[in-house]
Amino acid sequence: MKHTPGPWERWDDGIKSIGDSIDICRVYAVPADDSTRYGSGESDANARLIAAAPDLLESCVELEKAYRELLEAYGEAFGWGYLPADTAAEAIAKATT
């Protein structure tokens, strides 16, 4: 199953796709005490990270491909390893499978 295409943005208490305003998810915070307001601190950080997910995934795919191409062309000469590309591929698989 494919995800809703980005870009996404933070909207009130959730995340929506920008183009068609489809609700992606809701982000709620449980206040630690009466002085803590919903939508602050950690929940805002989580919402920003979720909203950035499509852009992060696209960037990761492009960087993984470019890094592998550089490895093929120059990696051995510079002693570069495959770990960054493999780590990126694992993150991509986690997001897409």
C-alpha atoms as a PDB file:
ATOM      1  CA  MET A   1       0.000   0.000   0.000  1.00  0.00           C
ATOM      2  CA  LYS A   2       1.310   3.445  -0.883  1.00  0.00           C
ATOM      3  CA  HIS A   3       1.124   6.440   1.405  1.00  0.00           C
ATOM      4  CA  THR A   4      -0.796   9.618   0.630  1.00  0.00           C
ATOM      5  CA  PRO A   5       1.473  11.775  -1.539  1.00  0.00           C
ATOM      6  CA  GLY A   6       3.118  14.781   0.081  1.00  0.00           C
ATOM      7  CA  PRO A   7       3.611  17.462   0.832  1.00  0.00           C
ATOM      8  CA  TRP A   8       1.952  17.261   4.230  1.00  0.00           C
ATOM      9  CA  GLU A   9       1.545  20.021   6.785  1.00  0.00           C
ATOM     10  CA  ARG A  10       0.681  20.471  10.454  1.00  0.00           C
ATOM     11  CA  TRP A  11      -2.932  21.536  10.788  1.00  0.00           C
ATOM     12  CA  ASP A  12      -4.585  22.188  14.186  1.00  0.00           C
ATOM     13  CA  ASP A  13      -4.304  18.844  15.986  1.00  0.00           C
ATOM     14  CA  GLY A  14      -3.255  16.780  13.014  1.00  0.00           C
ATOM     15  CA  ILE A  15      -1.500  16.395   9.685  1.00  0.00           C
ATOM     16  CA  LYS A  16      -3.137  16.980   6.285  1.00  0.00           C
ATOM     17  CA  SER A  17      -1.944  16.642   2.725  1.00  0.00           C
ATOM     18  CA  ILE A  18      -1.574  20.132   1.272  1.00  0.00           C
ATOM     19  CA  GLY A  19      -3.047  19.541  -2.176  1.00  0.00           C
ATOM     20  CA  ASP A  20      -6.368  17.971  -1.266  1.00  0.00           C
ATOM     21  CA  SER A  21      -6.573  18.443   2.527  1.00  0.00           C
ATOM     22  CA  ILE A  22      -6.864  14.710   3.213  1.00  0.00           C
ATOM     23  CA  ASP A  23      -6.467  13.954   6.911  1.00  0.00           C
ATOM     24  CA  ILE A  24      -3.284  11.952   7.392  1.00  0.00           C
ATOM     25  CA  CYS A  25      -3.415  11.569  11.169  1.00  0.00           C
ATOM     26  CA  ARG A  26      -4.193  13.304  14.437  1.00  0.00           C
ATOM     27  CA  VAL A  27      -1.504  14.141  16.961  1.00  0.00           C
ATOM     28  CA  TYR A  28      -2.628  14.411  20.568  1.00  0.00           C
ATOM     29  CA  ALA A  29      -0.705  15.154  23.715  1.00  0.00           C
ATOM     30  CA  VAL A  30      -1.661  14.027  27.167  1.00  0.00           C
ATOM     31  CA  PRO A  31      -0.789  16.856  29.546  1.00  0.00           C
ATOM     32  CA  ALA A  32       1.609  16.009  32.342  1.00  0.00           C
ATOM     33  CA  ASP A  33      -0.338  18.330  34.626  1.00  0.00           C
ATOM     34  CA  ASP A  34      -2.969  21.077  34.452  1.00  0.00           C
ATOM     35  CA  SER A  35      -0.394  23.672  33.453  1.00  0.00           C
ATOM     36  CA  THR A  36       0.579  21.814  30.257  1.00  0.00           C
ATOM     37  CA  ARG A  37      -1.457  22.652  27.185  1.00  0.00           C
ATOM     38  CA  TYR A  38      -2.304  20.314  24.345  1.00  0.00           C
ATOM     39  CA  GLY A  39      -0.310  20.926  21.186  1.00  0.00           C
ATOM     40  CA  SER A  40       2.909  22.026  22.799  1.00  0.00           C
ATOM     41  CA  GLY A  41       6.369  20.628  23.240  1.00  0.00           C
ATOM     42  CA  GLU A  42       6.831  16.993  22.284  1.00  0.00           C
ATOM     43  CA  SER A  43       3.515  16.661  20.426  1.00  0.00           C
ATOM     44  CA  ASP A  44       4.437  19.626  18.204  1.00  0.00           C
ATOM     45  CA  ALA A  45       7.837  18.073  17.501  1.00  0.00           C
ATOM     46  CA  ASN A  46       6.150  14.762  16.633  1.00  0.00           C
ATOM     47  CA  ALA A  47       3.690  16.537  14.337  1.00  0.00           C
ATOM     48  CA  ARG A  48       6.502  18.357  12.506  1.00  0.00           C
ATOM     49  CA  LEU A  49       8.384  15.088  12.029  1.00  0.00           C
ATOM     50  CA  ILE A  50       5.288  13.312  10.702  1.00  0.00           C
ATOM     51  CA  ALA A  51       4.509  16.227   8.355  1.00  0.00           C
ATOM     52  CA  ALA A  52       8.065  16.060   6.975  1.00  0.00           C
ATOM     53  CA  ALA A  53       7.898  12.281   6.356  1.00  0.00           C
ATOM     54  CA  PRO A  54       7.136  12.362   2.595  1.00  0.00           C
ATOM     55  CA  ASP A  55       9.953  14.847   1.961  1.00  0.00           C
ATOM     56  CA  LEU A  56      12.359  12.882   4.159  1.00  0.00           C
ATOM     57  CA  LEU A  57      11.509   9.632   2.368  1.00  0.00           C
ATOM     58  CA  GLU A  58      11.997  11.179  -1.063  1.00  0.00           C
ATOM     59  CA  SER A  59      15.335  12.688  -0.018  1.00  0.00           C
ATOM     60  CA  CYS A  60      16.485   9.406   1.502  1.00  0.00           C
ATOM     61  CA  VAL A  61      15.680   7.504  -1.714  1.00  0.00           C
ATOM     62  CA  GLU A  62      17.593  10.045  -3.820  1.00  0.00           C
ATOM     63  CA  LEU A  63      20.598  10.149  -1.473  1.00  0.00           C
ATOM     64  CA  GLU A  64      20.796   6.358  -1.224  1.00  0.00           C
ATOM     65  CA  LYS A  65      20.841   6.062  -5.018  1.00  0.00           C
ATOM     66  CA  ALA A  66      23.439   8.826  -5.424  1.00  0.00           C
ATOM     67  CA  TYR A  67      25.666   7.355  -2.706  1.00  0.00           C
ATOM     68  CA  ARG A  68      25.617   3.918  -4.355  1.00  0.00           C
ATOM     69  CA  GLU A  69      26.531   5.512  -7.694  1.00  0.00           C
ATOM     70  CA  LEU A  70      29.449   7.314  -6.053  1.00  0.00           C
ATOM     71  CA  LEU A  71      30.545   4.070  -4.389  1.00  0.00           C
ATOM     72  CA  GLU A  72      30.602   2.342  -7.745  1.00  0.00           C
ATOM     73  CA  ALA A  73      32.614   5.159  -9.318  1.00  0.00           C
ATOM     74  CA  TYR A  74      34.985   6.221  -6.514  1.00  0.00           C
ATOM     75  CA  GLY A  75      34.303   4.328  -3.304  1.00  0.00           C
ATOM     76  CA  GLU A  76      37.096   1.831  -3.449  1.00  0.00           C
ATOM     77  CA  ALA A  77      39.682   4.530  -4.093  1.00  0.00           C
ATOM     78  CA  PHE A  78      38.574   6.459  -1.009  1.00  0.00           C
ATOM     79  CA  GLY A  79      37.812   3.470   1.200  1.00  0.00           C
ATOM     80  CA  TRP A  80      34.123   4.324   1.515  1.00  0.00           C
ATOM     81  CA  GLY A  81      31.854   1.657   2.915  1.00  0.00           C
ATOM     82  CA  TYR A  82      28.317   0.595   2.147  1.00  0.00           C
ATOM     83  CA  LEU A  83      26.961   1.195   5.676  1.00  0.00           C
ATOM     84  CA  PRO A  84      25.351   4.609   4.964  1.00  0.00           C
ATOM     85  CA  ALA A  85      23.644   3.262   1.828  1.00  0.00           C
ATOM     86  CA  ASP A  86      22.546   0.086   3.604  1.00  0.00           C
ATOM     87  CA  THR A  87      21.186   2.073   6.555  1.00  0.00           C
ATOM     88  CA  ALA A  88      19.249   4.322   4.162  1.00  0.00           C
ATOM     89  CA  ALA A  89      17.878   1.279   2.326  1.00  0.00           C
ATOM     90  CA  GLU A  90      16.672  -0.184   5.654  1.00  0.00           C
ATOM     91  CA  ALA A  91      14.904   3.076   6.543  1.00  0.00           C
ATOM     92  CA  ILE A  92      13.291   3.214   3.097  1.00  0.00           C
ATOM     93  CA  ALA A  93      12.076  -0.381   3.445  1.00  0.00           C
ATOM     94  CA  LYS A  94      10.704   0.370   6.910  1.00  0.00           C
ATOM     95  CA  ALA A  95       8.687   3.248   5.469  1.00  0.00           C
ATOM     96  CA  THR A  96       7.467   1.485   2.339  1.00  0.00           C
ATOM     97  CA  THR A  97       6.861  -2.174   3.235  1.00  0.00           C
END
